[in-house]
Amino acid sequence: MNHTAPLIDYGKKALEDLREKRVSYELEQVTLDIIISTGLVSNMVSSAPDYYYNSSLAHCVYYGSTVTKGGHRHLHGEVVALGVLCLLTFATEFEERDKIAKFNLSMGLPVCFDDIEVSEHEFDAMADKALTTTEWEFRPKKSGVTKESFIQCMKETNFYGRELKESLIS
C-alpha cells in the first residue's frame, strides 16, 4: 500500500466529517495515518546528530516561508503540503507529485507559491533561511541538494502548480 493512500483515499471525507464533528471510518484512517506514520515514527527516528529523519525539503519550504511577506500567515501543514510537491519535483517523482497536487487542489491546499502569498523574488531569502535549519544540515548530501537546486525545484513546482490550476480553469 502506498504511504499516501489513506490521505488520498479518505482525506476529503475525513475533513468533511471532522468539520461536522462526526466520527467515521475515513476520519479514523486519516488520523491513524497522521499520528502513526507522520507523528510517532518520524519523531522516534529524530535523535540528532546521529539520526534525523523527521523532515526534508518539505520542511525547508516551511521554514523559508516564515521570512516572506505573506507565507508566515499560512498554517504549517498548508505550507508543508506545498513543500511535499517541491520535494517530489526535486526527486523527479512526477507521477506521485501530480497525484498529490490534484489531491491538494481538491482539498483547497496549495499547489503553487501564489497560494501561500510568496513570490519567486523571495525564493533566495527562503533558501537562505532553509540553510540555517536542522533539516538542511541533515539532508542527504549525495542527493545534490544545494541552495541553487532548492531554489530551482521551488521555481519548477511553482510553474507546474500554476499550469495545473490554469488547465482546470480553461
Protein backbone atom coordinates (compact mmCIF):
# COMPACT_ATOMS: atom_id res chain seq x y z
CA MET A 1 0.00 0.00 0.00
CA ASN A 2 1.27 3.43 -0.89
CA HIS A 3 2.05 5.52 2.20
CA THR A 4 -0.12 8.37 0.91
CA ALA A 5 -3.11 6.12 0.16
CA PRO A 6 -5.11 6.82 3.36
CA LEU A 7 -4.80 10.57 2.90
CA ILE A 8 -5.68 10.46 -0.79
CA ASP A 9 -8.43 7.85 -0.43
CA TYR A 10 -10.13 9.17 2.70
CA GLY A 11 -8.90 12.75 3.17
CA LYS A 12 -11.79 14.66 1.66
CA LYS A 13 -14.46 12.69 3.53
CA ALA A 14 -12.41 12.78 6.74
CA LEU A 15 -12.18 16.56 6.60
CA GLU A 16 -15.92 16.85 5.99
CA ASP A 17 -16.59 14.55 8.94
CA LEU A 18 -14.21 16.48 11.16
CA ARG A 19 -15.97 19.74 10.31
CA GLU A 20 -19.31 18.10 11.14
CA LYS A 21 -17.85 16.65 14.39
CA ARG A 22 -18.70 13.17 13.12
CA VAL A 23 -16.55 10.12 13.80
CA SER A 24 -16.19 7.91 10.73
CA TYR A 25 -14.01 5.17 9.34
CA GLU A 26 -12.41 7.69 6.97
CA LEU A 27 -11.57 10.10 9.80
CA GLU A 28 -10.09 7.25 11.83
CA GLN A 29 -7.91 6.10 8.92
CA VAL A 30 -6.56 9.59 8.23
CA THR A 31 -5.98 10.24 11.94
CA LEU A 32 -4.11 6.96 12.32
CA ASP A 33 -2.02 7.70 9.24
CA ILE A 34 -1.10 11.15 10.52
CA ILE A 35 -0.38 10.06 14.09
CA ILE A 36 1.32 6.73 13.37
CA SER A 37 3.16 7.40 10.13
CA THR A 38 3.94 11.04 10.48
CA GLY A 39 3.88 11.69 14.19
CA LEU A 40 5.21 8.71 16.08
CA VAL A 41 7.51 7.19 13.50
CA SER A 42 9.11 10.44 12.37
CA ASN A 43 9.70 11.60 15.92
CA MET A 44 11.03 8.22 17.06
CA VAL A 45 13.80 8.45 14.49
CA SER A 46 14.81 12.01 15.33
CA SER A 47 17.81 11.90 17.58
CA ALA A 48 20.17 14.41 16.02
CA PRO A 49 23.01 14.33 15.32
CA ASP A 50 23.09 10.53 14.88
CA TYR A 51 19.74 10.23 13.12
CA TYR A 52 17.37 12.88 11.86
CA TYR A 53 14.72 11.60 9.51
CA ASN A 54 11.90 13.80 10.77
CA SER A 55 11.98 16.28 7.94
CA SER A 56 13.17 17.10 4.49
CA LEU A 57 12.96 19.75 1.81
CA ALA A 58 9.24 19.98 2.55
CA HIS A 59 10.05 21.49 5.92
CA CYS A 60 12.77 23.67 4.41
CA VAL A 61 10.00 25.24 2.32
CA TYR A 62 8.02 25.85 5.51
CA TYR A 63 10.92 27.43 7.38
CA GLY A 64 11.75 29.51 4.34
CA SER A 65 8.18 30.78 4.14
CA THR A 66 8.48 32.28 7.62
CA VAL A 67 10.77 35.03 6.29
CA THR A 68 8.50 36.06 3.42
CA LYS A 69 5.98 38.85 3.31
CA GLY A 70 2.91 36.58 3.23
CA GLY A 71 3.99 32.99 3.74
CA HIS A 72 4.26 33.25 7.51
CA ARG A 73 0.49 33.80 7.66
CA HIS A 74 -0.21 30.25 6.48
CA LEU A 75 -0.51 27.10 8.55
CA HIS A 76 2.45 24.75 8.93
CA GLY A 77 0.62 21.84 7.27
CA GLU A 78 -0.56 24.02 4.42
CA VAL A 79 2.98 25.12 3.57
CA VAL A 80 4.45 21.65 4.08
CA ALA A 81 1.83 20.29 1.64
CA LEU A 82 3.35 22.60 -0.98
CA GLY A 83 6.81 21.62 0.23
CA VAL A 84 5.99 17.97 -0.48
CA LEU A 85 5.30 18.94 -4.09
CA CYS A 86 8.73 20.64 -4.17
CA LEU A 87 10.37 17.53 -2.70
CA LEU A 88 8.74 15.32 -5.32
CA THR A 89 9.73 17.73 -8.07
CA PHE A 90 13.33 17.68 -6.84
CA ALA A 91 13.29 13.87 -6.76
CA THR A 92 11.74 13.80 -10.26
CA GLU A 93 8.84 11.73 -8.90
CA PHE A 94 6.41 13.48 -11.20
CA GLU A 95 3.68 10.85 -11.23
CA GLU A 96 3.41 10.98 -7.43
CA ARG A 97 3.66 14.79 -7.46
CA ASP A 98 0.85 15.05 -9.99
CA LYS A 99 -1.38 12.76 -7.93
CA ILE A 100 -0.75 14.69 -4.73
CA ALA A 101 -1.16 18.05 -6.48
CA LYS A 102 -4.59 17.03 -7.73
CA PHE A 103 -5.47 15.91 -4.21
CA ASN A 104 -4.22 19.23 -2.82
CA LEU A 105 -6.45 21.10 -5.24
CA SER A 106 -9.46 19.00 -4.27
CA MET A 107 -8.81 19.83 -0.60
CA GLY A 108 -8.07 23.52 -1.07
CA LEU A 109 -4.37 23.04 -0.29
CA PRO A 110 -1.65 24.93 -2.15
CA VAL A 111 -0.12 23.79 -5.43
CA CYS A 112 1.94 26.90 -6.16
CA PHE A 113 3.55 29.66 -4.16
CA ASP A 114 0.83 32.14 -5.13
CA ASP A 115 -1.45 30.07 -2.90
CA ILE A 116 0.67 30.92 0.16
CA GLU A 117 1.33 34.53 -0.83
CA VAL A 118 5.01 34.01 -1.69
CA SER A 119 6.57 35.44 -4.84
CA GLU A 120 9.54 34.00 -6.67
CA HIS A 121 11.70 37.01 -5.84
CA GLU A 122 11.52 35.75 -2.20
CA PHE A 123 12.97 32.31 -3.04
CA ASP A 124 16.55 33.39 -2.40
CA ALA A 125 15.68 34.59 1.12
CA MET A 126 13.71 31.38 1.68
CA ALA A 127 16.73 29.32 0.70
CA ASP A 128 18.98 31.37 2.98
CA LYS A 129 16.62 30.61 5.88
CA ALA A 130 16.45 26.92 4.93
CA LEU A 131 20.24 26.71 5.08
CA THR A 132 20.08 27.55 8.81
CA THR A 133 17.76 24.66 9.73
CA THR A 134 18.43 21.23 11.17
CA GLU A 135 16.54 19.79 8.19
CA TRP A 136 19.07 21.31 5.82
CA GLU A 137 22.03 20.18 7.89
CA PHE A 138 20.82 16.58 7.84
CA ARG A 139 19.66 16.45 4.21
CA PRO A 140 21.07 13.57 2.17
CA LYS A 141 24.34 15.14 0.98
CA LYS A 142 24.73 12.86 -2.04
CA SER A 143 21.31 13.83 -3.37
CA GLY A 144 22.61 17.04 -4.92
CA VAL A 145 20.59 19.36 -2.72
CA THR A 146 22.22 22.77 -2.92
CA LYS A 147 20.86 26.24 -2.39
CA GLU A 148 20.62 26.62 -6.15
CA SER A 149 18.87 23.28 -6.73
CA PHE A 150 16.46 24.03 -3.88
CA ILE A 151 15.51 27.35 -5.49
CA GLN A 152 15.19 25.65 -8.87
CA CYS A 153 12.82 22.97 -7.53
CA MET A 154 10.66 25.72 -5.98
CA LYS A 155 10.55 27.52 -9.34
CA GLU A 156 9.67 24.32 -11.19
CA THR A 157 6.96 23.45 -8.67
CA ASN A 158 5.56 26.96 -8.89
CA PHE A 159 5.41 26.75 -12.69
CA TYR A 160 3.81 23.31 -12.52
CA GLY A 161 1.20 24.38 -9.96
CA ARG A 162 0.25 27.48 -11.92
CA GLU A 163 -0.11 25.44 -15.11
CA LEU A 164 -2.22 22.84 -13.31
CA LYS A 165 -4.58 25.49 -11.98
CA GLU A 166 -4.76 27.19 -15.38
CA SER A 167 -5.59 23.90 -17.10
CA LEU A 168 -8.56 23.42 -14.81
CA ILE A 169 -9.87 26.92 -15.47
CA SER A 170 -9.73 26.60 -19.27
